[in-house]
Protein backbone atom coordinates (compact mmCIF):
# COMPACT_ATOMS: atom_id res chain seq x y z
CA MET A 1 87.55 106.12 71.89
CA ASN A 2 84.34 106.29 73.84
CA TRP A 3 83.44 102.79 75.07
CA GLN A 4 79.79 102.43 75.90
CA SER A 5 79.72 100.48 79.15
CA THR A 6 76.07 99.38 78.89
CA ARG A 7 76.41 97.75 75.45
CA ARG A 8 77.28 94.08 75.76
CA LEU A 9 78.27 92.09 72.71
CA SER A 10 79.07 88.46 72.30
CA PRO A 11 81.53 88.05 69.42
CA LYS A 12 80.01 84.69 68.52
CA LYS A 13 76.58 86.30 67.94
CA LEU A 14 77.82 89.09 65.66
CA LEU A 15 77.48 87.18 62.40
CA LEU A 16 74.84 88.85 60.17
CA SER A 17 74.23 91.59 62.75
CA LYS A 18 73.36 95.05 61.41
CA TRP A 19 75.23 98.28 62.19
CA THR A 20 74.95 101.96 61.33
CA ALA A 21 77.98 104.20 60.91
CA ALA A 22 77.65 107.17 63.28
CA VAL A 23 79.46 109.32 60.69
CA PRO A 24 78.71 107.93 57.21
CA SER A 25 81.13 108.46 54.34
CA ASP A 26 80.67 107.87 50.59
CA LYS A 27 76.96 107.12 51.15
CA GLU A 28 77.97 104.09 53.25
CA LYS A 29 75.78 104.19 56.32
CA HIS A 30 74.36 100.70 56.84
CA PHE A 31 76.61 97.67 57.34
CA ILE A 32 76.25 93.96 58.02
CA VAL A 33 78.78 91.62 59.62
CA THR A 34 79.54 88.95 57.00
CA GLN A 35 82.35 86.95 58.60
CA LEU A 36 83.95 86.21 61.98
CA LEU A 37 87.73 85.73 61.89
CA GLU A 38 89.41 83.80 64.69
CA ALA A 39 92.87 84.47 66.08
CA ALA A 40 95.84 82.25 65.17
CA PRO A 41 95.20 79.60 67.84
CA PRO A 42 91.52 78.82 67.11
CA ALA A 43 90.76 78.24 70.78
CA SER A 44 91.39 81.92 71.55
CA GLY A 45 88.12 83.00 69.90
CA VAL A 46 87.00 85.69 67.50
CA GLU A 47 89.44 88.56 67.03
CA LEU A 48 88.32 90.30 63.83
CA ILE A 49 85.11 90.68 61.87
CA GLU A 50 84.49 91.43 58.24
CA ILE A 51 81.82 94.09 57.77
CA GLU A 52 80.18 94.98 54.45
CA ALA A 53 78.51 98.20 53.36
CA VAL A 54 74.99 97.50 52.11
CA TYR A 55 75.04 100.40 49.61
CA SER A 56 78.34 99.70 47.85
CA GLY A 57 79.20 96.13 48.81
CA ARG A 58 82.66 97.29 49.98
CA SER A 59 83.95 95.19 52.86
CA PHE A 60 86.76 95.56 55.35
CA LYS A 61 88.08 93.91 58.47
CA LEU A 62 88.19 95.41 61.94
CA PRO A 63 88.51 94.22 65.56
CA TRP A 64 85.04 93.30 66.80
CA ARG A 65 85.52 95.44 69.91
CA ASP A 66 85.54 98.55 67.68
CA LEU A 67 81.75 98.11 67.47
CA LEU A 68 81.57 99.12 71.15
CA ASP A 69 82.67 102.67 70.22
CA ASP A 70 79.36 104.57 70.11
CA GLU A 71 81.02 107.53 68.38
CA ARG A 72 81.64 105.31 65.35
CA TRP A 73 79.00 102.53 65.39
CA LEU A 74 75.34 102.26 66.35
CA GLN A 75 73.72 98.86 66.74
CA GLY A 76 70.99 98.11 64.19
CA TRP A 77 70.01 100.14 61.14
CA GLN A 78 68.96 103.64 62.07
């Protein structure tokens, strides 16, 4: 995993943010964060996000820190 050190994300500001898959598959290139999922003790903060493909509507969950991997995700729609 290649973590981009200059990209700073706040997990609480990810809701409805837009992302582009660096390597699209099945015509799914553009995504939007639709839900923030907190860890078991709610005070521990956001652990996972639900992200939805704009083209197909397919959604899946992933750790929000995966968005820092610039080999997989680009911020915004490009």
